[in-house]
Amino acid sequence: MSDTAPVFQLDTTQSDTLILALTGDWIQGAGAPDFNDLRTNLNALSPKTLIVHFDNIEQWDSILMAFLLQCSNHCQDKGIALDTTSLPESAQRLLDVATAVRPHQRPEPGDYHWLTSINPLRMLKATMGNIRESLAFIGEVAMALANLVVGKANTRYVDFRAFCYQSGPDAFAIISLISILVGMILGYLGAVQLQQFGAGIYVADLVVIGTLREMGALMTAVVMAGRTGAAYAAQLGTMQTNEEIDAIVTLGISPMEFLVVPRMLALVVMMPLLTIYADVLGILGGALVAGGMGITPLQYFNQASAAVEMNHIMVGLIKSVTFALLIAVAGCRSGINSGRSSAAVGQAATQAVVTAIIYLIVADAAINILCQQLDY
């Protein structure tokens, strides 16, 4: 315990320039003075300059630095010039480090409006930055795949097999539920409308074509974006937080080859299989609804088998492979570029899902337009 308690005295001889004299031992256990008293005096006097005198202090530690940091922040908020030239060099360096970055302040509810956050130039700059970052990531992935083809990549088969199991069999439950329900929805909507024209049997064509060409691949991709894409982002983001990716780079191993490529290949391999599985369950879901509408199972499956064509199957498989690449790119890119905190990992997972769904919608529309133009 110090014999001399820390105190401050404010010399108000000059109205525009105040002198803050610090005395005593500013150390733990001595009892630091309350900064609110100094804040009240500064607000009442409204000086232009505040000079800190440090000459009468013999011992100091973080207690003094915390007091000076509060003083510095208050002076900066009120536009008061703070003179700390009398501080020792070590204390001055600590204060410079502490005040190098201003603390984040939330805007007041009454002062903020969403229109103030719209800046076209800033949005354009951010968009161009994201495009450059995405192109750089895709280029690195392409180089890693090229190294894999020539047998020079640091990609392990055991990782590929583990990610195949994660994105394949582990997803059967949710894919089964979604696929059956989507097939039932398609069958119900088709049956209700077609029965008005006495063409209820054609609900099988609607379910088959809609599932094979569109809903099977798209709904599977949406589920995998929320499940596997977010998992990839969280895994890689956590590795970034723990500096495991930095360690891999230090060992001379490419993170793209070691971390991204096995995840991407696993999703590309498993997505077509999951899509075929979802197509079958979707058609079965439509059969459940058709049976309730007076259509026998034999009639339904005879009509469904006549509607199945190879071009419908191929369109769905092409979409599934395309969607798998986009989900893997969105998830791995968000994880690799994640910040080094728990909050950043959560943001990376959220960004992966949102980005993947946007990619899916745009790619799905583009493929549909292309198929229409090619009459396929």
Protein backbone atom coordinates (compact mmCIF):
# COMPACT_ATOMS: atom_id res chain seq x y z
CA MET A 1 0.00 0.00 0.00
CA SER A 2 1.39 3.43 -0.93
CA ASP A 3 1.85 6.14 1.72
CA THR A 4 0.85 8.93 -0.67
CA ALA A 5 -2.60 8.80 -2.24
CA PRO A 6 -2.94 9.85 -5.89
CA VAL A 7 -4.68 13.18 -6.41
CA PHE A 8 -5.02 15.78 -9.12
CA GLN A 9 -5.24 19.57 -8.91
CA LEU A 10 -6.61 21.82 -11.60
CA ASP A 11 -4.99 25.25 -11.96
CA THR A 12 -7.60 27.65 -13.35
CA THR A 13 -5.46 30.80 -13.39
CA GLN A 14 -5.87 31.10 -17.15
CA SER A 15 -9.35 30.51 -18.50
CA ASP A 16 -8.29 29.15 -21.90
CA THR A 17 -5.36 27.06 -20.64
CA LEU A 18 -5.72 24.79 -17.63
CA ILE A 19 -2.92 22.93 -15.86
CA LEU A 20 -3.63 19.45 -14.52
CA ALA A 21 -1.10 18.65 -11.79
CA LEU A 22 -0.86 15.00 -10.81
CA THR A 23 0.67 14.10 -7.45
CA GLY A 24 1.04 11.00 -5.30
CA ASP A 25 1.66 7.39 -6.18
CA TRP A 26 -0.63 6.23 -9.00
CA ILE A 27 -0.38 2.52 -8.37
CA GLN A 28 -2.70 -0.38 -7.61
CA GLY A 29 -4.17 -0.25 -4.11
CA ALA A 30 -3.64 3.50 -3.68
CA GLY A 31 -7.17 4.38 -4.78
CA ALA A 32 -7.35 6.37 -8.00
CA PRO A 33 -9.43 9.59 -7.98
CA ASP A 34 -12.75 9.67 -9.78
CA PHE A 35 -12.45 11.02 -13.32
CA ASN A 36 -16.03 12.29 -13.19
CA ASP A 37 -14.87 15.12 -10.91
CA LEU A 38 -12.35 16.25 -13.52
CA ARG A 39 -14.92 15.89 -16.29
CA THR A 40 -17.36 18.12 -14.41
CA ASN A 41 -14.72 20.85 -13.97
CA LEU A 42 -13.66 20.67 -17.63
CA ASN A 43 -17.24 20.91 -18.83
CA ALA A 44 -17.84 23.93 -16.60
CA LEU A 45 -14.67 25.81 -17.61
CA SER A 46 -14.56 24.80 -21.31
CA PRO A 47 -10.81 25.36 -21.81
CA LYS A 48 -9.00 25.28 -25.16
CA THR A 49 -5.85 23.60 -23.83
CA LEU A 50 -5.17 21.19 -20.99
CA ILE A 51 -1.53 20.76 -19.86
CA VAL A 52 -0.65 17.70 -17.78
CA HIS A 53 2.13 18.10 -15.18
CA PHE A 54 3.76 14.82 -14.18
CA ASP A 55 6.70 16.12 -12.11
CA ASN A 56 5.45 15.15 -8.63
CA ILE A 57 4.72 11.47 -9.33
CA GLU A 58 7.24 8.90 -8.10
CA GLN A 59 5.43 5.61 -8.80
CA TRP A 60 2.84 4.81 -11.45
CA ASP A 61 1.30 1.85 -13.26
CA SER A 62 -1.87 1.11 -15.27
CA ILE A 63 -3.99 3.20 -12.89
CA LEU A 64 -2.36 6.35 -14.20
CA MET A 65 -2.64 5.23 -17.83
CA ALA A 66 -6.36 4.49 -17.42
CA PHE A 67 -6.92 7.96 -15.96
CA LEU A 68 -4.93 9.63 -18.76
CA LEU A 69 -6.81 7.61 -21.41
CA GLN A 70 -10.13 8.86 -20.03
CA CYS A 71 -8.76 12.37 -20.04
CA SER A 72 -7.52 12.03 -23.63
CA ASN A 73 -10.85 10.67 -24.89
CA HIS A 74 -12.77 13.47 -23.18
CA CYS A 75 -10.47 16.14 -24.60
CA GLN A 76 -10.80 14.70 -28.09
CA ASP A 77 -14.60 14.63 -27.83
CA LYS A 78 -14.73 18.24 -26.59
CA GLY A 79 -12.07 19.62 -28.94
CA ILE A 80 -9.59 20.39 -26.14
CA ALA A 81 -5.88 20.30 -26.98
CA LEU A 82 -4.09 17.93 -24.60
CA ASP A 83 -0.42 18.60 -23.80
CA THR A 84 1.34 15.55 -22.32
CA THR A 85 4.95 16.50 -23.07
CA SER A 86 5.87 16.26 -19.38
CA LEU A 87 5.06 12.53 -19.32
CA PRO A 88 7.96 10.06 -19.29
CA GLU A 89 8.77 8.52 -22.66
CA SER A 90 7.43 5.11 -21.61
CA ALA A 91 4.10 6.56 -20.47
CA GLN A 92 3.85 8.66 -23.62
CA ARG A 93 4.32 5.60 -25.82
CA LEU A 94 1.64 3.71 -23.90
CA LEU A 95 -0.77 6.60 -24.28
CA ASP A 96 -0.03 6.85 -28.02
CA VAL A 97 -0.79 3.15 -28.45
CA ALA A 98 -4.00 3.40 -26.41
CA THR A 99 -5.27 6.39 -28.44
CA ALA A 100 -4.14 5.15 -31.86
CA VAL A 101 -7.64 3.81 -32.64
CA ARG A 102 -10.79 5.51 -31.48
CA PRO A 103 -13.31 3.28 -29.66
CA HIS A 104 -16.36 2.27 -31.67
CA GLN A 105 -19.42 4.35 -30.83
CA ARG A 106 -22.93 3.36 -31.79
CA PRO A 107 -24.98 6.11 -33.45
CA GLU A 108 -27.77 7.61 -31.41
CA PRO A 109 -31.21 6.22 -32.38
CA GLY A 110 -32.57 9.66 -33.15
CA ASP A 111 -29.58 10.74 -35.23
CA TYR A 112 -29.33 7.71 -37.49
CA HIS A 113 -31.33 7.09 -40.62
CA TRP A 114 -30.82 4.36 -43.14
CA LEU A 115 -30.58 6.90 -45.95
CA THR A 116 -27.40 8.32 -44.42
CA SER A 117 -25.66 4.98 -44.88
CA ILE A 118 -26.25 4.95 -48.65
CA ASN A 119 -23.14 6.17 -50.41
CA PRO A 120 -22.99 5.12 -54.09
CA LEU A 121 -19.24 5.57 -54.32
CA ARG A 122 -18.62 3.57 -51.17
CA MET A 123 -20.98 0.82 -52.35
CA LEU A 124 -19.27 0.74 -55.76
CA LYS A 125 -15.85 0.56 -54.14
CA ALA A 126 -16.95 -2.27 -51.85
CA THR A 127 -18.48 -4.15 -54.79
CA MET A 128 -15.32 -3.83 -56.87
CA GLY A 129 -13.27 -5.01 -53.90
CA ASN A 130 -15.49 -8.06 -53.48
CA ILE A 131 -15.23 -8.85 -57.19
CA ARG A 132 -11.44 -8.62 -57.13
CA GLU A 133 -11.30 -10.79 -54.01
CA SER A 134 -13.61 -13.38 -55.57
CA LEU A 135 -11.61 -13.51 -58.80
CA ALA A 136 -8.37 -13.91 -56.86
CA PHE A 137 -9.89 -16.74 -54.82
CA ILE A 138 -11.20 -18.50 -57.94
CA GLY A 139 -7.79 -18.14 -59.58
CA GLU A 140 -6.05 -19.73 -56.59
CA VAL A 141 -8.57 -22.57 -56.57
CA ALA A 142 -8.01 -23.13 -60.30
CA MET A 143 -4.26 -23.33 -59.75
CA ALA A 144 -4.78 -25.78 -56.87
CA LEU A 145 -7.00 -27.98 -59.07
CA ALA A 146 -4.37 -27.87 -61.83
CA ASN A 147 -1.73 -29.04 -59.34
CA LEU A 148 -4.09 -31.82 -58.28
CA VAL A 149 -4.49 -32.99 -61.89
CA VAL A 150 -0.72 -33.22 -62.40
CA GLY A 151 -0.25 -34.91 -59.02
CA LYS A 152 1.57 -32.08 -57.24
CA ALA A 153 -1.16 -30.95 -54.83
CA ASN A 154 -1.04 -31.40 -51.05
CA THR A 155 -4.58 -32.81 -51.04
CA ARG A 156 -5.23 -35.85 -48.88
CA TYR A 157 -7.69 -38.56 -49.82
CA VAL A 158 -8.63 -39.07 -46.16
CA ASP A 159 -9.86 -35.47 -45.98
CA PHE A 160 -11.83 -35.88 -49.19
CA ARG A 161 -13.49 -39.04 -47.84
CA ALA A 162 -14.37 -37.36 -44.53
CA PHE A 163 -15.96 -34.37 -46.27
CA CYS A 164 -17.88 -36.69 -48.60
CA TYR A 165 -19.42 -38.36 -45.56
CA GLN A 166 -20.14 -34.99 -43.95
CA SER A 167 -21.89 -33.57 -47.01
CA GLY A 168 -23.51 -36.85 -48.15
CA PRO A 169 -24.89 -39.45 -45.70
CA ASP A 170 -25.12 -36.93 -42.87
CA ALA A 171 -27.52 -34.86 -45.00
CA PHE A 172 -29.94 -37.67 -45.83
CA ALA A 173 -32.42 -36.84 -43.07
CA ILE A 174 -33.00 -33.18 -43.92
CA ILE A 175 -32.88 -33.85 -47.68
CA SER A 176 -35.49 -36.60 -47.29
CA LEU A 177 -37.88 -34.38 -45.36
CA ILE A 178 -37.53 -31.38 -47.67
CA SER A 179 -37.80 -33.44 -50.86
CA ILE A 180 -40.97 -35.29 -49.85
CA LEU A 181 -42.65 -32.09 -48.71
CA VAL A 182 -41.68 -30.21 -51.88
CA GLY A 183 -43.01 -33.10 -54.00
CA MET A 184 -46.27 -33.04 -52.06
CA ILE A 185 -46.57 -29.28 -52.54
CA LEU A 186 -46.01 -29.58 -56.29
CA GLY A 187 -48.52 -32.44 -56.49
CA TYR A 188 -51.14 -30.57 -54.50
CA LEU A 189 -50.86 -27.37 -56.52
CA GLY A 190 -50.91 -29.26 -59.80
CA ALA A 191 -53.83 -31.48 -58.84
CA VAL A 192 -55.98 -28.58 -57.66
CA GLN A 193 -55.55 -26.70 -60.92
CA LEU A 194 -55.57 -29.59 -63.37
CA GLN A 195 -58.67 -31.22 -61.90
CA GLN A 196 -60.65 -28.14 -62.92
CA PHE A 197 -60.05 -29.19 -66.54
CA GLY A 198 -60.44 -32.94 -65.97
CA ALA A 199 -56.68 -33.44 -66.46
CA GLY A 200 -55.73 -34.53 -62.96
CA ILE A 201 -53.62 -37.40 -64.27
CA TYR A 202 -51.11 -34.90 -65.64
CA VAL A 203 -50.13 -33.96 -62.12
CA ALA A 204 -47.52 -36.72 -62.50
CA ASP A 205 -45.96 -34.86 -65.45
CA LEU A 206 -45.89 -31.64 -63.46
CA VAL A 207 -44.23 -33.25 -60.45
CA VAL A 208 -41.70 -35.21 -62.50
CA ILE A 209 -40.61 -32.36 -64.77
CA GLY A 210 -40.65 -29.77 -61.98
CA THR A 211 -38.66 -32.01 -59.65
CA LEU A 212 -36.11 -33.25 -62.20
CA ARG A 213 -35.39 -29.91 -63.83
CA GLU A 214 -35.82 -27.47 -60.98
CA MET A 215 -36.93 -28.27 -57.46
CA GLY A 216 -34.80 -31.32 -56.78
CA ALA A 217 -31.49 -29.62 -57.52
CA LEU A 218 -32.49 -26.20 -56.18
CA MET A 219 -33.93 -27.31 -52.85
CA THR A 220 -31.01 -29.66 -52.28
CA ALA A 221 -28.63 -26.80 -53.00
CA VAL A 222 -30.43 -24.45 -50.61
CA VAL A 223 -30.27 -27.05 -47.85
CA MET A 224 -26.59 -27.72 -48.53
CA ALA A 225 -25.84 -23.98 -48.57
CA GLY A 226 -27.33 -23.57 -45.11
CA ARG A 227 -25.84 -26.80 -43.81
CA THR A 228 -22.52 -27.55 -45.53
CA GLY A 229 -21.62 -24.08 -46.83
CA ALA A 230 -22.00 -22.56 -43.37
CA ALA A 231 -20.04 -25.48 -41.88
CA TYR A 232 -17.16 -24.89 -44.28
CA ALA A 233 -17.09 -21.20 -43.40
CA ALA A 234 -17.20 -21.90 -39.66
CA GLN A 235 -14.47 -24.55 -39.86
CA LEU A 236 -12.07 -22.41 -41.88
CA GLY A 237 -12.96 -19.30 -39.89
CA THR A 238 -12.13 -21.07 -36.64
CA MET A 239 -8.84 -22.24 -38.13
CA GLN A 240 -8.13 -18.64 -39.10
CA THR A 241 -8.90 -17.50 -35.57
CA ASN A 242 -6.59 -20.14 -34.07
CA GLU A 243 -3.86 -19.23 -36.61
CA GLU A 244 -3.87 -22.78 -37.94
CA ILE A 245 -3.98 -21.53 -41.53
CA ASP A 246 -0.93 -19.36 -40.85
CA ALA A 247 0.84 -22.45 -39.53
CA ILE A 248 -0.04 -24.36 -42.71
CA VAL A 249 1.37 -21.56 -44.84
CA THR A 250 4.52 -21.48 -42.68
CA LEU A 251 5.03 -25.19 -43.39
CA GLY A 252 4.98 -24.41 -47.12
CA ILE A 253 1.58 -26.03 -47.74
CA SER A 254 -1.04 -24.26 -49.83
CA PRO A 255 -4.31 -23.75 -47.89
CA MET A 256 -6.20 -24.02 -51.17
CA GLU A 257 -4.79 -27.46 -51.88
CA PHE A 258 -4.96 -28.73 -48.31
CA LEU A 259 -8.24 -27.19 -47.10
CA VAL A 260 -10.37 -25.91 -49.98
CA VAL A 261 -9.91 -28.51 -52.74
CA PRO A 262 -11.04 -31.58 -50.72
CA ARG A 263 -14.12 -29.74 -49.51
CA MET A 264 -15.00 -28.57 -53.01
CA LEU A 265 -14.47 -31.97 -54.64
CA ALA A 266 -16.50 -33.69 -51.93
CA LEU A 267 -19.45 -31.38 -52.51
CA VAL A 268 -19.17 -31.72 -56.31
CA VAL A 269 -19.23 -35.52 -56.01
CA MET A 270 -22.06 -35.73 -53.50
CA MET A 271 -24.44 -33.07 -54.84
CA PRO A 272 -25.51 -35.02 -57.99
CA LEU A 273 -26.13 -38.12 -55.87
CA LEU A 274 -28.16 -36.12 -53.37
CA THR A 275 -30.08 -34.51 -56.23
CA ILE A 276 -31.03 -37.91 -57.68
CA TYR A 277 -32.07 -39.02 -54.20
CA ALA A 278 -34.15 -35.85 -53.79
CA ASP A 279 -35.75 -36.37 -57.22
CA VAL A 280 -36.91 -39.86 -56.31
CA LEU A 281 -38.35 -38.73 -52.97
CA GLY A 282 -39.98 -35.70 -54.60
CA ILE A 283 -41.78 -37.93 -57.10
CA LEU A 284 -42.89 -40.19 -54.26
CA GLY A 285 -44.19 -37.16 -52.39
CA GLY A 286 -46.26 -36.18 -55.40
CA ALA A 287 -47.63 -39.72 -55.51
CA LEU A 288 -48.91 -39.37 -51.94
CA VAL A 289 -50.92 -36.30 -52.85
CA ALA A 290 -52.11 -37.77 -56.16
CA GLY A 291 -53.41 -40.81 -54.31
CA GLY A 292 -55.55 -38.55 -52.16
CA MET A 293 -56.95 -36.93 -55.30
CA GLY A 294 -58.33 -40.19 -56.70
CA ILE A 295 -55.34 -41.10 -58.91
CA THR A 296 -54.19 -44.66 -58.41
CA PRO A 297 -50.49 -45.39 -57.88
CA LEU A 298 -50.37 -47.36 -61.14
CA GLN A 299 -51.81 -44.47 -63.12
CA TYR A 300 -49.44 -42.02 -61.45
CA PHE A 301 -46.26 -44.03 -62.06
CA ASN A 302 -47.22 -44.94 -65.62
CA GLN A 303 -47.75 -41.27 -66.42
CA ALA A 304 -44.59 -40.32 -64.50
CA SER A 305 -42.42 -42.87 -66.37
CA ALA A 306 -43.65 -41.44 -69.67
CA ALA A 307 -42.68 -37.92 -68.55
CA VAL A 308 -39.14 -38.89 -67.55
CA GLU A 309 -36.69 -37.85 -70.27
CA MET A 310 -32.93 -37.76 -70.31
CA ASN A 311 -32.77 -34.02 -70.99
CA HIS A 312 -34.76 -33.32 -67.80
CA ILE A 313 -32.36 -35.47 -65.78
CA MET A 314 -29.29 -33.89 -67.36
CA VAL A 315 -30.50 -30.35 -66.68
CA GLY A 316 -30.94 -31.21 -63.01
CA LEU A 317 -27.51 -32.85 -62.80
CA ILE A 318 -25.81 -29.90 -64.52
CA LYS A 319 -27.48 -27.58 -62.06
CA SER A 320 -26.40 -29.74 -59.13
CA VAL A 321 -22.73 -29.66 -60.14
CA THR A 322 -22.88 -25.91 -60.76
CA PHE A 323 -24.60 -25.32 -57.44
CA ALA A 324 -22.02 -27.48 -55.63
CA LEU A 325 -19.15 -25.39 -57.01
CA LEU A 326 -20.88 -22.14 -56.03
CA ILE A 327 -21.69 -23.33 -52.50
CA ALA A 328 -18.13 -24.54 -51.95
CA VAL A 329 -16.65 -21.29 -53.27
CA ALA A 330 -18.95 -19.15 -51.12
CA GLY A 331 -18.33 -21.16 -47.95
CA CYS A 332 -14.57 -21.60 -48.30
CA ARG A 333 -14.01 -18.01 -49.42
CA SER A 334 -15.91 -16.63 -46.43
CA GLY A 335 -14.00 -18.90 -44.06
CA ILE A 336 -10.54 -18.21 -45.51
CA ASN A 337 -11.14 -14.44 -45.42
CA SER A 338 -12.69 -14.48 -41.94
CA GLY A 339 -11.43 -12.25 -39.17
CA ARG A 340 -9.71 -13.56 -36.08
CA SER A 341 -12.51 -13.44 -33.54
CA SER A 342 -15.59 -15.43 -32.58
CA ALA A 343 -17.84 -12.68 -33.93
CA ALA A 344 -16.00 -12.78 -37.25
CA VAL A 345 -16.55 -16.53 -37.51
CA GLY A 346 -20.28 -16.03 -37.06
CA GLN A 347 -20.29 -13.29 -39.67
CA ALA A 348 -18.37 -15.54 -42.05
CA ALA A 349 -20.94 -18.33 -41.67
CA THR A 350 -23.81 -15.89 -42.26
CA GLN A 351 -22.07 -14.36 -45.26
CA ALA A 352 -21.43 -17.82 -46.72
CA VAL A 353 -25.12 -18.75 -46.61
CA VAL A 354 -26.36 -15.43 -47.99
CA THR A 355 -23.76 -15.35 -50.76
CA ALA A 356 -24.39 -18.97 -51.72
CA ILE A 357 -28.15 -18.45 -52.00
CA ILE A 358 -27.63 -15.39 -54.20
CA TYR A 359 -25.26 -17.41 -56.38
CA LEU A 360 -27.83 -20.21 -56.61
CA ILE A 361 -30.69 -17.98 -57.69
CA VAL A 362 -28.62 -16.19 -60.32
CA ALA A 363 -27.10 -19.41 -61.66
CA ASP A 364 -30.49 -21.14 -61.75
CA ALA A 365 -32.03 -18.30 -63.73
CA ALA A 366 -29.07 -18.24 -66.13
CA ILE A 367 -29.24 -22.00 -66.76
CA ASN A 368 -33.00 -21.86 -67.33
CA ILE A 369 -32.63 -19.03 -69.84
CA LEU A 370 -29.83 -20.91 -71.60
CA CYS A 371 -31.91 -24.09 -71.79
CA GLN A 372 -34.85 -22.15 -73.17
CA GLN A 373 -32.69 -20.55 -75.85
CA LEU A 374 -31.23 -23.95 -76.79
CA ASP A 375 -34.69 -25.59 -76.65
CA TYR A 376 -33.30 -28.24 -74.31
